[in-house]
Amino acid sequence: MPIPPRLQQTRPVWPQGRRSAVALAFDVDGPTGDAMLDGSLLSNPRYFTQGAYGPWRALPRLLDLLGAYELKATFFVPTWVVLHWTDICARILRQGCEIAYHGHHHEVFIDCSPQQQLEIMERSRAIFQQRLGVTPVGFRTPSGDWSEETAALLRDFGIIYSSSMRGDDRPYFHPPRGPGPGLVEIPARWDIDDYTALAYTEEPDFPIGLDRISDYRTVERNWCAEFEGYHRAGLCWTTILHPKVCAKPGRLGILEGLFGRIRDHGDAVWTARCQDVAQWWIDRHAAGPEQTP
């Protein structure tokens, strides 16, 4: 299918003349989130075990699959998970993948003051340095939102990119506060989040009022079609996937189909970690016009 001239003119340039970029990204939330924040986790062992399945069983399986397809990925990990599953988090790094900020308890950033946000980031940085020996440069807001101060706060903290917003299908810069480029945004899409097709729990009730487990082959076709659309237009595709949702034994076939489709395009696709995409965008566009939509 030919690309319309307007899209050809605005298509980003990727390393070594590659047509598109793919930055696979996974949120290793474990049992963090609302039940931990409101204190109900301790009285809800079922919820705890549902979440713990992610780092305990699903993440090793996912890393095996990524290794088999020779793919690198970015993992956004709350540091409470790092404290309790340090070894598997260390394997993420040994495998050449990236680990990045995702709060400590998977906090709702828009409900936190700038000072509280900074304290979460400082606590997380200390844990990453002490337990894994790294200082991440990327961030994904745990709750999918943030306050108007967050982007500048993150940039001042030393973060170079976020993958939190939804407003484009290529990276862009948030408005800077002071000299230098603003925070790079690598936008993802909630409608391709695995929760929208594959999540169901009884307690807490999600999704409320109905079962929602889509046909696995339909999910695979949808994800592959979305990747193909981004590739055709020469864009940057990233994901919001969760090992505890998508890396169960029967669902690995969905990921195998997706990874195989990406690999079918060979060197025409730049498969990279989010930090690599962000640095490429900074190097090429820091003086350019790209800003938040």
C-alpha atoms as a PDB file:
ATOM      1  CA  MET A   1       0.000   0.000   0.000  1.00  0.00           C
ATOM      2  CA  PRO A   2       1.564   3.357  -0.985  1.00  0.00           C
ATOM      3  CA  ILE A   3       2.128   6.024   1.642  1.00  0.00           C
ATOM      4  CA  PRO A   4       0.258   9.310   1.059  1.00  0.00           C
ATOM      5  CA  PRO A   5       2.659  12.150   0.141  1.00  0.00           C
ATOM      6  CA  ARG A   6       1.897  14.075   3.352  1.00  0.00           C
ATOM      7  CA  LEU A   7       2.967  11.122   5.473  1.00  0.00           C
ATOM      8  CA  GLN A   8       6.055  10.607   3.344  1.00  0.00           C
ATOM      9  CA  GLN A   9       7.109  14.190   4.014  1.00  0.00           C
ATOM     10  CA  THR A  10       6.712  13.894   7.781  1.00  0.00           C
ATOM     11  CA  ARG A  11       8.004  10.363   8.242  1.00  0.00           C
ATOM     12  CA  PRO A  12      10.768  10.278  10.870  1.00  0.00           C
ATOM     13  CA  VAL A  13      14.297   9.214   9.996  1.00  0.00           C
ATOM     14  CA  TRP A  14      15.593   6.165  11.853  1.00  0.00           C
ATOM     15  CA  PRO A  15      19.140   4.766  12.186  1.00  0.00           C
ATOM     16  CA  GLN A  16      20.778   3.169   9.141  1.00  0.00           C
ATOM     17  CA  GLY A  17      17.850   4.067   6.907  1.00  0.00           C
ATOM     18  CA  ARG A  18      15.406   1.750   8.650  1.00  0.00           C
ATOM     19  CA  ARG A  19      11.777   2.316   7.883  1.00  0.00           C
ATOM     20  CA  SER A  20      10.235   2.218  11.383  1.00  0.00           C
ATOM     21  CA  ALA A  21      11.075   1.851  15.052  1.00  0.00           C
ATOM     22  CA  VAL A  22       9.690  -0.602  17.617  1.00  0.00           C
ATOM     23  CA  ALA A  23      10.335  -0.141  21.326  1.00  0.00           C
ATOM     24  CA  LEU A  24       8.717  -3.067  23.120  1.00  0.00           C
ATOM     25  CA  ALA A  25       7.816  -2.043  26.668  1.00  0.00           C
ATOM     26  CA  PHE A  26       6.437  -3.991  29.631  1.00  0.00           C
ATOM     27  CA  ASP A  27       5.155  -2.812  33.012  1.00  0.00           C
ATOM     28  CA  VAL A  28       6.198  -5.228  35.765  1.00  0.00           C
ATOM     29  CA  ASP A  29       3.653  -4.021  38.322  1.00  0.00           C
ATOM     30  CA  GLY A  30       3.542  -7.132  40.476  1.00  0.00           C
ATOM     31  CA  PRO A  31       0.991  -6.758  43.296  1.00  0.00           C
ATOM     32  CA  THR A  32       1.479  -2.977  43.587  1.00  0.00           C
ATOM     33  CA  GLY A  33      -1.270  -0.474  42.835  1.00  0.00           C
ATOM     34  CA  ASP A  34      -4.569   0.490  44.440  1.00  0.00           C
ATOM     35  CA  ALA A  35      -4.728  -2.383  46.911  1.00  0.00           C
ATOM     36  CA  MET A  36      -1.268  -1.523  48.184  1.00  0.00           C
ATOM     37  CA  LEU A  37      -1.969   2.206  48.304  1.00  0.00           C
ATOM     38  CA  ASP A  38      -5.226   1.853  50.248  1.00  0.00           C
ATOM     39  CA  GLY A  39      -3.847  -0.796  52.602  1.00  0.00           C
ATOM     40  CA  SER A  40      -6.183  -3.596  51.516  1.00  0.00           C
ATOM     41  CA  LEU A  41      -3.404  -5.732  50.031  1.00  0.00           C
ATOM     42  CA  LEU A  42      -2.539  -7.340  53.365  1.00  0.00           C
ATOM     43  CA  SER A  43      -6.098  -8.685  53.720  1.00  0.00           C
ATOM     44  CA  ASN A  44      -6.393  -9.818  50.092  1.00  0.00           C
ATOM     45  CA  PRO A  45      -3.982 -12.693  49.435  1.00  0.00           C
ATOM     46  CA  ARG A  46      -5.774 -13.527  46.187  1.00  0.00           C
ATOM     47  CA  TYR A  47      -4.942 -10.099  44.752  1.00  0.00           C
ATOM     48  CA  PHE A  48      -1.378 -10.399  46.019  1.00  0.00           C
ATOM     49  CA  THR A  49      -0.809 -13.727  44.314  1.00  0.00           C
ATOM     50  CA  GLN A  50      -2.359 -12.509  41.060  1.00  0.00           C
ATOM     51  CA  GLY A  51       0.143  -9.669  41.013  1.00  0.00           C
ATOM     52  CA  ALA A  52       3.112 -11.679  42.263  1.00  0.00           C
ATOM     53  CA  TYR A  53       2.617 -14.103  39.376  1.00  0.00           C
ATOM     54  CA  GLY A  54       4.078 -11.399  37.106  1.00  0.00           C
ATOM     55  CA  PRO A  55       7.643 -11.158  38.436  1.00  0.00           C
ATOM     56  CA  TRP A  56       7.645 -14.688  39.875  1.00  0.00           C
ATOM     57  CA  ARG A  57       6.517 -16.787  36.886  1.00  0.00           C
ATOM     58  CA  ALA A  58       5.580 -14.665  33.892  1.00  0.00           C
ATOM     59  CA  LEU A  59       8.633 -12.406  33.663  1.00  0.00           C
ATOM     60  CA  PRO A  60      11.206 -15.231  33.370  1.00  0.00           C
ATOM     61  CA  ARG A  61       9.069 -16.802  30.649  1.00  0.00           C
ATOM     62  CA  LEU A  62       8.857 -13.482  28.803  1.00  0.00           C
ATOM     63  CA  LEU A  63      12.600 -12.920  29.008  1.00  0.00           C
ATOM     64  CA  ASP A  64      13.161 -16.391  27.557  1.00  0.00           C
ATOM     65  CA  LEU A  65      10.901 -15.532  24.618  1.00  0.00           C
ATOM     66  CA  LEU A  66      12.559 -12.174  23.990  1.00  0.00           C
ATOM     67  CA  GLY A  67      15.922 -13.912  24.023  1.00  0.00           C
ATOM     68  CA  ALA A  68      14.749 -16.523  21.526  1.00  0.00           C
ATOM     69  CA  TYR A  69      13.765 -13.750  19.092  1.00  0.00           C
ATOM     70  CA  GLU A  70      16.876 -11.685  19.911  1.00  0.00           C
ATOM     71  CA  LEU A  71      14.761  -8.709  20.943  1.00  0.00           C
ATOM     72  CA  LYS A  72      15.576  -6.077  23.547  1.00  0.00           C
ATOM     73  CA  ALA A  73      12.829  -4.370  25.533  1.00  0.00           C
ATOM     74  CA  THR A  74      12.214  -1.791  28.225  1.00  0.00           C
ATOM     75  CA  PHE A  75      10.741  -2.782  31.586  1.00  0.00           C
ATOM     76  CA  PHE A  76       9.049  -0.170  33.766  1.00  0.00           C
ATOM     77  CA  VAL A  77       9.240  -1.523  37.312  1.00  0.00           C
ATOM     78  CA  PRO A  78       7.911  -0.130  40.616  1.00  0.00           C
ATOM     79  CA  THR A  79      10.796  -0.274  43.053  1.00  0.00           C
ATOM     80  CA  TRP A  80       8.738  -2.198  45.618  1.00  0.00           C
ATOM     81  CA  VAL A  81       8.930  -5.019  43.055  1.00  0.00           C
ATOM     82  CA  VAL A  82      12.700  -4.517  42.771  1.00  0.00           C
ATOM     83  CA  LEU A  83      13.017  -4.938  46.543  1.00  0.00           C
ATOM     84  CA  HIS A  84      11.067  -8.206  46.576  1.00  0.00           C
ATOM     85  CA  TRP A  85      12.202  -9.780  43.267  1.00  0.00           C
ATOM     86  CA  THR A  86      15.706  -8.400  42.902  1.00  0.00           C
ATOM     87  CA  ASP A  87      17.182 -11.401  41.086  1.00  0.00           C
ATOM     88  CA  ILE A  88      14.749 -11.435  38.165  1.00  0.00           C
ATOM     89  CA  CYS A  89      15.061  -7.649  37.849  1.00  0.00           C
ATOM     90  CA  ALA A  90      18.827  -8.093  37.638  1.00  0.00           C
ATOM     91  CA  ARG A  91      18.279 -10.602  34.834  1.00  0.00           C
ATOM     92  CA  ILE A  92      16.480  -7.896  32.831  1.00  0.00           C
ATOM     93  CA  LEU A  93      19.740  -5.962  32.784  1.00  0.00           C
ATOM     94  CA  ARG A  94      21.957  -8.984  32.156  1.00  0.00           C
ATOM     95  CA  GLN A  95      19.901  -9.724  29.067  1.00  0.00           C
ATOM     96  CA  GLY A  96      20.661  -6.284  27.664  1.00  0.00           C
ATOM     97  CA  CYS A  97      17.196  -4.861  28.278  1.00  0.00           C
ATOM     98  CA  GLU A  98      16.427  -1.567  29.953  1.00  0.00           C
ATOM     99  CA  ILE A  99      14.850  -0.997  33.349  1.00  0.00           C
ATOM    100  CA  ALA A 100      13.075   2.296  34.061  1.00  0.00           C
ATOM    101  CA  TYR A 101      11.055   4.177  36.664  1.00  0.00           C
ATOM    102  CA  HIS A 102       7.410   3.305  37.401  1.00  0.00           C
ATOM    103  CA  GLY A 103       6.902   4.689  40.887  1.00  0.00           C
ATOM    104  CA  HIS A 104       7.526   2.790  44.111  1.00  0.00           C
ATOM    105  CA  HIS A 105       4.041   1.499  44.979  1.00  0.00           C
ATOM    106  CA  HIS A 106       2.555   2.315  41.518  1.00  0.00           C
ATOM    107  CA  GLU A 107       1.324   5.680  42.820  1.00  0.00           C
ATOM    108  CA  VAL A 108      -1.295   7.928  41.236  1.00  0.00           C
ATOM    109  CA  PHE A 109       1.000  10.784  40.245  1.00  0.00           C
ATOM    110  CA  ILE A 110      -1.753  13.281  39.501  1.00  0.00           C
ATOM    111  CA  ASP A 111      -2.840  13.008  43.161  1.00  0.00           C
ATOM    112  CA  CYS A 112       0.695  13.674  44.418  1.00  0.00           C
ATOM    113  CA  SER A 113       2.145  17.119  45.021  1.00  0.00           C
ATOM    114  CA  PRO A 114       5.386  17.985  43.195  1.00  0.00           C
ATOM    115  CA  GLN A 115       7.270  17.389  46.442  1.00  0.00           C
ATOM    116  CA  GLN A 116       5.660  13.955  46.856  1.00  0.00           C
ATOM    117  CA  GLN A 117       6.491  13.088  43.255  1.00  0.00           C
ATOM    118  CA  LEU A 118      10.101  14.095  43.827  1.00  0.00           C
ATOM    119  CA  GLU A 119      10.264  11.991  46.993  1.00  0.00           C
ATOM    120  CA  ILE A 120       8.964   8.949  45.066  1.00  0.00           C
ATOM    121  CA  MET A 121      11.607   9.484  42.398  1.00  0.00           C
ATOM    122  CA  GLU A 122      14.391   9.912  44.960  1.00  0.00           C
ATOM    123  CA  ARG A 123      13.350   6.764  46.814  1.00  0.00           C
ATOM    124  CA  SER A 124      13.169   4.833  43.560  1.00  0.00           C
ATOM    125  CA  ARG A 125      16.585   6.049  42.390  1.00  0.00           C
ATOM    126  CA  ALA A 126      18.185   4.965  45.648  1.00  0.00           C
ATOM    127  CA  ILE A 127      16.676   1.466  45.363  1.00  0.00           C
ATOM    128  CA  PHE A 128      17.731   1.053  41.732  1.00  0.00           C
ATOM    129  CA  GLN A 129      21.267   2.111  42.610  1.00  0.00           C
ATOM    130  CA  GLN A 130      21.533  -0.023  45.746  1.00  0.00           C
ATOM    131  CA  ARG A 131      19.877  -3.190  44.445  1.00  0.00           C
ATOM    132  CA  LEU A 132      20.756  -3.154  40.722  1.00  0.00           C
ATOM    133  CA  GLY A 133      23.628  -0.701  40.377  1.00  0.00           C
ATOM    134  CA  VAL A 134      21.881   1.410  37.741  1.00  0.00           C
ATOM    135  CA  THR A 135      20.381   4.875  37.467  1.00  0.00           C
ATOM    136  CA  PRO A 136      17.510   4.711  34.958  1.00  0.00           C
ATOM    137  CA  VAL A 137      16.868   7.507  32.467  1.00  0.00           C
ATOM    138  CA  GLY A 138      13.254   6.661  31.558  1.00  0.00           C
ATOM    139  CA  PHE A 139       9.887   6.928  33.257  1.00  0.00           C
ATOM    140  CA  ARG A 140       6.323   5.726  32.715  1.00  0.00           C
ATOM    141  CA  THR A 141       3.721   7.225  34.997  1.00  0.00           C
ATOM    142  CA  PRO A 142       2.104   4.372  36.932  1.00  0.00           C
ATOM    143  CA  SER A 143      -1.429   5.726  36.702  1.00  0.00           C
ATOM    144  CA  GLY A 144      -1.374   7.019  33.136  1.00  0.00           C
ATOM    145  CA  ASP A 145      -1.570  10.660  34.190  1.00  0.00           C
ATOM    146  CA  TRP A 146       0.457  13.343  35.930  1.00  0.00           C
ATOM    147  CA  SER A 147       0.275  16.944  37.070  1.00  0.00           C
ATOM    148  CA  GLU A 148       1.374  19.926  35.013  1.00  0.00           C
ATOM    149  CA  GLU A 149       4.681  20.097  36.888  1.00  0.00           C
ATOM    150  CA  THR A 150       5.706  16.474  36.307  1.00  0.00           C
ATOM    151  CA  ALA A 151       7.457  16.684  32.935  1.00  0.00           C
ATOM    152  CA  ALA A 152       9.766  19.499  34.039  1.00  0.00           C
ATOM    153  CA  LEU A 153      10.328  17.828  37.426  1.00  0.00           C
ATOM    154  CA  LEU A 154      11.435  14.631  35.700  1.00  0.00           C
ATOM    155  CA  ARG A 155      13.760  16.479  33.319  1.00  0.00           C
ATOM    156  CA  ASP A 156      15.379  18.322  36.216  1.00  0.00           C
ATOM    157  CA  PHE A 157      15.768  14.960  37.978  1.00  0.00           C
ATOM    158  CA  GLY A 158      17.868  13.642  35.079  1.00  0.00           C
ATOM    159  CA  ILE A 159      15.217  11.686  33.190  1.00  0.00           C
ATOM    160  CA  ILE A 160      15.553  12.035  29.405  1.00  0.00           C
ATOM    161  CA  TYR A 161      12.271  10.439  28.331  1.00  0.00           C
ATOM    162  CA  SER A 162       8.774   9.454  29.365  1.00  0.00           C
ATOM    163  CA  SER A 163       6.445   6.882  27.831  1.00  0.00           C
ATOM    164  CA  SER A 164       3.285   8.066  29.557  1.00  0.00           C
ATOM    165  CA  MET A 165       1.155  10.136  27.191  1.00  0.00           C
ATOM    166  CA  ARG A 166      -0.949   9.200  24.144  1.00  0.00           C
ATOM    167  CA  GLY A 167      -0.911  12.244  21.847  1.00  0.00           C
ATOM    168  CA  ASP A 168       1.159  11.130  18.844  1.00  0.00           C
ATOM    169  CA  ASP A 169       2.590   8.165  16.971  1.00  0.00           C
ATOM    170  CA  ARG A 170       6.190   9.394  17.001  1.00  0.00           C
ATOM    171  CA  PRO A 171       8.357  10.862  19.765  1.00  0.00           C
ATOM    172  CA  TYR A 172       8.094  14.543  20.649  1.00  0.00           C
ATOM    173  CA  PHE A 173       9.431  17.004  23.231  1.00  0.00           C
ATOM    174  CA  HIS A 174       7.544  18.389  26.184  1.00  0.00           C
ATOM    175  CA  PRO A 175       8.021  22.162  26.529  1.00  0.00           C
ATOM    176  CA  PRO A 176      11.297  22.813  28.352  1.00  0.00           C
ATOM    177  CA  ARG A 177      11.723  24.715  31.582  1.00  0.00           C
ATOM    178  CA  GLY A 178      14.940  26.620  31.065  1.00  0.00           C
ATOM    179  CA  PRO A 179      17.707  25.933  28.510  1.00  0.00           C
ATOM    180  CA  GLY A 180      18.020  22.719  26.573  1.00  0.00           C
ATOM    181  CA  PRO A 181      15.402  20.375  25.160  1.00  0.00           C
ATOM    182  CA  GLY A 182      12.407  19.283  27.168  1.00  0.00           C
ATOM    183  CA  LEU A 183      11.608  15.734  28.161  1.00  0.00           C
ATOM    184  CA  VAL A 184      11.219  13.352  25.211  1.00  0.00           C
ATOM    185  CA  GLU A 185       7.833  11.617  25.086  1.00  0.00           C
ATOM    186  CA  ILE A 186       7.554   8.176  23.456  1.00  0.00           C
ATOM    187  CA  PRO A 187       3.763   7.862  23.340  1.00  0.00           C
ATOM    188  CA  ALA A 188       1.980   4.544  23.658  1.00  0.00           C
ATOM    189  CA  ARG A 189      -1.651   3.507  23.252  1.00  0.00           C
ATOM    190  CA  TRP A 190      -4.085   2.238  25.868  1.00  0.00           C
ATOM    191  CA  ASP A 191      -6.261   0.511  23.272  1.00  0.00           C
ATOM    192  CA  ILE A 192      -3.328  -1.824  22.573  1.00  0.00           C
ATOM    193  CA  ASP A 193      -2.719  -2.339  26.300  1.00  0.00           C
ATOM    194  CA  ASP A 194      -3.119  -6.043  27.090  1.00  0.00           C
ATOM    195  CA  TYR A 195      -5.532  -5.186  29.916  1.00  0.00           C
ATOM    196  CA  THR A 196      -8.129  -4.046  27.373  1.00  0.00           C
ATOM    197  CA  ALA A 197      -8.343  -7.527  25.854  1.00  0.00           C
ATOM    198  CA  LEU A 198      -6.980 -10.066  28.323  1.00  0.00           C
ATOM    199  CA  ALA A 199      -7.593  -8.952  31.911  1.00  0.00           C
ATOM    200  CA  TYR A 200     -10.239 -10.247  34.277  1.00  0.00           C
ATOM    201  CA  THR A 201     -10.220 -10.493  38.062  1.00  0.00           C
ATOM    202  CA  GLU A 202     -13.012 -11.132  40.566  1.00  0.00           C
ATOM    203  CA  GLU A 203     -11.620  -9.143  43.466  1.00  0.00           C
ATOM    204  CA  PRO A 204     -11.128  -6.303  42.844  1.00  0.00           C
ATOM    205  CA  ASP A 205     -13.804  -6.523  40.171  1.00  0.00           C
ATOM    206  CA  PHE A 206     -12.119  -5.680  36.861  1.00  0.00           C
ATOM    207  CA  PRO A 207     -13.525  -5.031  34.356  1.00  0.00           C
ATOM    208  CA  ILE A 208     -16.581  -4.047  36.384  1.00  0.00           C
ATOM    209  CA  GLY A 209     -19.656  -6.113  35.642  1.00  0.00           C
ATOM    210  CA  LEU A 210     -18.490  -8.405  32.860  1.00  0.00           C
ATOM    211  CA  ASP A 211     -15.935 -10.914  31.707  1.00  0.00           C
ATOM    212  CA  ARG A 212     -13.550  -9.642  29.060  1.00  0.00           C
ATOM    213  CA  ILE A 213     -11.151 -12.177  27.630  1.00  0.00           C
ATOM    214  CA  SER A 214     -10.848 -11.763  23.875  1.00  0.00           C
ATOM    215  CA  ASP A 215     -10.090 -14.526  21.431  1.00  0.00           C
ATOM    216  CA  TYR A 216      -6.319 -14.939  21.439  1.00  0.00           C
ATOM    217  CA  ARG A 217      -5.966 -15.058  17.664  1.00  0.00           C
ATOM    218  CA  THR A 218      -8.014 -11.889  17.355  1.00  0.00           C
ATOM    219  CA  VAL A 219      -5.721 -10.147  19.832  1.00  0.00           C
ATOM    220  CA  GLU A 220      -2.679 -11.327  17.895  1.00  0.00           C
ATOM    221  CA  ARG A 221      -4.146 -10.086  14.613  1.00  0.00           C
ATOM    222  CA  ASN A 222      -5.013  -6.722  16.156  1.00  0.00           C
ATOM    223  CA  TRP A 223      -1.534  -6.183  17.585  1.00  0.00           C
ATOM    224  CA  CYS A 224       0.164  -7.296  14.386  1.00  0.00           C
ATOM    225  CA  ALA A 225      -2.085  -5.046  12.296  1.00  0.00           C
ATOM    226  CA  GLU A 226      -1.245  -2.089  14.516  1.00  0.00           C
ATOM    227  CA  PHE A 227       2.470  -2.768  14.201  1.00  0.00           C
ATOM    228  CA  GLU A 228       2.137  -3.113  10.412  1.00  0.00           C
ATOM    229  CA  GLY A 229       0.345   0.235  10.212  1.00  0.00           C
ATOM    230  CA  TYR A 230       3.096   1.970  12.143  1.00  0.00           C
ATOM    231  CA  HIS A 231       5.757   0.270  10.042  1.00  0.00           C
ATOM    232  CA  ARG A 232       4.052   1.185   6.776  1.00  0.00           C
ATOM    233  CA  ALA A 233       3.964   4.847   7.799  1.00  0.00           C
ATOM    234  CA  GLY A 234       7.525   4.775   9.176  1.00  0.00           C
ATOM    235  CA  LEU A 235       6.554   5.608  12.760  1.00  0.00           C
ATOM    236  CA  CYS A 236       7.595   4.568  16.284  1.00  0.00           C
ATOM    237  CA  TRP A 237       5.523   1.833  17.923  1.00  0.00           C
ATOM    238  CA  THR A 238       5.775   1.096  21.625  1.00  0.00           C
ATOM    239  CA  THR A 239       3.611  -1.057  23.868  1.00  0.00           C
ATOM    240  CA  ILE A 240       1.959  -1.085  27.284  1.00  0.00           C
ATOM    241  CA  LEU A 241       2.069  -4.774  28.158  1.00  0.00           C
ATOM    242  CA  HIS A 242       2.195  -6.535  31.527  1.00  0.00           C
ATOM    243  CA  PRO A 243       3.902  -9.904  32.070  1.00  0.00           C
ATOM    244  CA  LYS A 244       1.212 -11.011  34.540  1.00  0.00           C
ATOM    245  CA  VAL A 245      -1.404 -10.482  31.809  1.00  0.00           C
ATOM    246  CA  CYS A 246       0.250 -11.380  28.492  1.00  0.00           C
ATOM    247  CA  ALA A 247       2.943 -13.898  29.469  1.00  0.00           C
ATOM    248  CA  LYS A 248       0.763 -16.734  30.718  1.00  0.00           C
ATOM    249  CA  PRO A 249       1.442 -20.043  28.948  1.00  0.00           C
ATOM    250  CA  GLY A 250      -1.448 -19.934  26.486  1.00  0.00           C
ATOM    251  CA  ARG A 251      -0.912 -16.278  25.693  1.00  0.00           C
ATOM    252  CA  LEU A 252       2.731 -16.621  24.773  1.00  0.00           C
ATOM    253  CA  GLY A 253       1.494 -17.596  21.319  1.00  0.00           C
ATOM    254  CA  ILE A 254       0.139 -14.060  20.906  1.00  0.00           C
ATOM    255  CA  LEU A 255       3.561 -12.625  21.651  1.00  0.00           C
ATOM    256  CA  GLU A 256       5.276 -15.210  19.451  1.00  0.00           C
ATOM    257  CA  GLY A 257       3.062 -14.162  16.556  1.00  0.00           C
ATOM    258  CA  LEU A 258       3.824 -10.488  17.181  1.00  0.00           C
ATOM    259  CA  PHE A 259       7.557 -10.989  17.629  1.00  0.00           C
ATOM    260  CA  GLY A 260       7.683 -13.151  14.514  1.00  0.00           C
ATOM    261  CA  ARG A 261       5.851 -10.503  12.479  1.00  0.00           C
ATOM    262  CA  ILE A 262       8.334  -7.863  13.613  1.00  0.00           C
ATOM    263  CA  ARG A 263      11.249 -10.125  12.773  1.00  0.00           C
ATOM    264  CA  ASP A 264       9.775 -10.870   9.317  1.00  0.00           C
ATOM    265  CA  HIS A 265      10.676  -7.307   8.304  1.00  0.00           C
ATOM    266  CA  GLY A 266      14.341  -7.867   9.112  1.00  0.00           C
ATOM    267  CA  ASP A 267      16.554  -4.801   9.223  1.00  0.00           C
ATOM    268  CA  ALA A 268      13.734  -2.560   7.954  1.00  0.00           C
ATOM    269  CA  VAL A 269      12.587  -2.305  11.588  1.00  0.00           C
ATOM    270  CA  TRP A 270      14.752  -0.733  14.255  1.00  0.00           C
ATOM    271  CA  THR A 271      13.998  -2.755  17.394  1.00  0.00           C
ATOM    272  CA  ALA A 272      15.365  -0.727  20.276  1.00  0.00           C
ATOM    273  CA  ARG A 273      15.025   0.063  23.919  1.00  0.00           C
ATOM    274  CA  CYS A 274      13.113   3.217  24.788  1.00  0.00           C
ATOM    275  CA  GLN A 275      16.288   4.902  26.000  1.00  0.00           C
ATOM    276  CA  ASP A 276      17.889   4.344  22.595  1.00  0.00           C
ATOM    277  CA  VAL A 277      14.891   5.833  20.786  1.00  0.00           C
ATOM    278  CA  ALA A 278      14.914   8.835  23.107  1.00  0.00           C
ATOM    279  CA  GLN A 279      18.629   9.471  22.664  1.00  0.00           C
ATOM    280  CA  TRP A 280      18.300   9.188  18.893  1.00  0.00           C
ATOM    281  CA  TRP A 281      15.464  11.713  18.948  1.00  0.00           C
ATOM    282  CA  ILE A 282      17.475  14.118  21.099  1.00  0.00           C
ATOM    283  CA  ASP A 283      20.543  13.835  18.882  1.00  0.00           C
ATOM    284  CA  ARG A 284      18.550  14.556  15.720  1.00  0.00           C
ATOM    285  CA  HIS A 285      15.828  16.924  16.880  1.00  0.00           C
ATOM    286  CA  ALA A 286      16.867  18.786  20.043  1.00  0.00           C
ATOM    287  CA  ALA A 287      17.107  22.061  18.096  1.00  0.00           C
ATOM    288  CA  GLY A 288      14.040  21.339  15.962  1.00  0.00           C
ATOM    289  CA  PRO A 289      10.374  22.314  16.218  1.00  0.00           C
ATOM    290  CA  GLU A 290       8.901  19.152  17.720  1.00  0.00           C
ATOM    291  CA  GLN A 291       6.899  19.961  20.846  1.00  0.00           C
ATOM    292  CA  THR A 292       3.965  18.486  22.694  1.00  0.00           C
ATOM    293  CA  PRO A 293       0.773  18.339  20.568  1.00  0.00           C
END
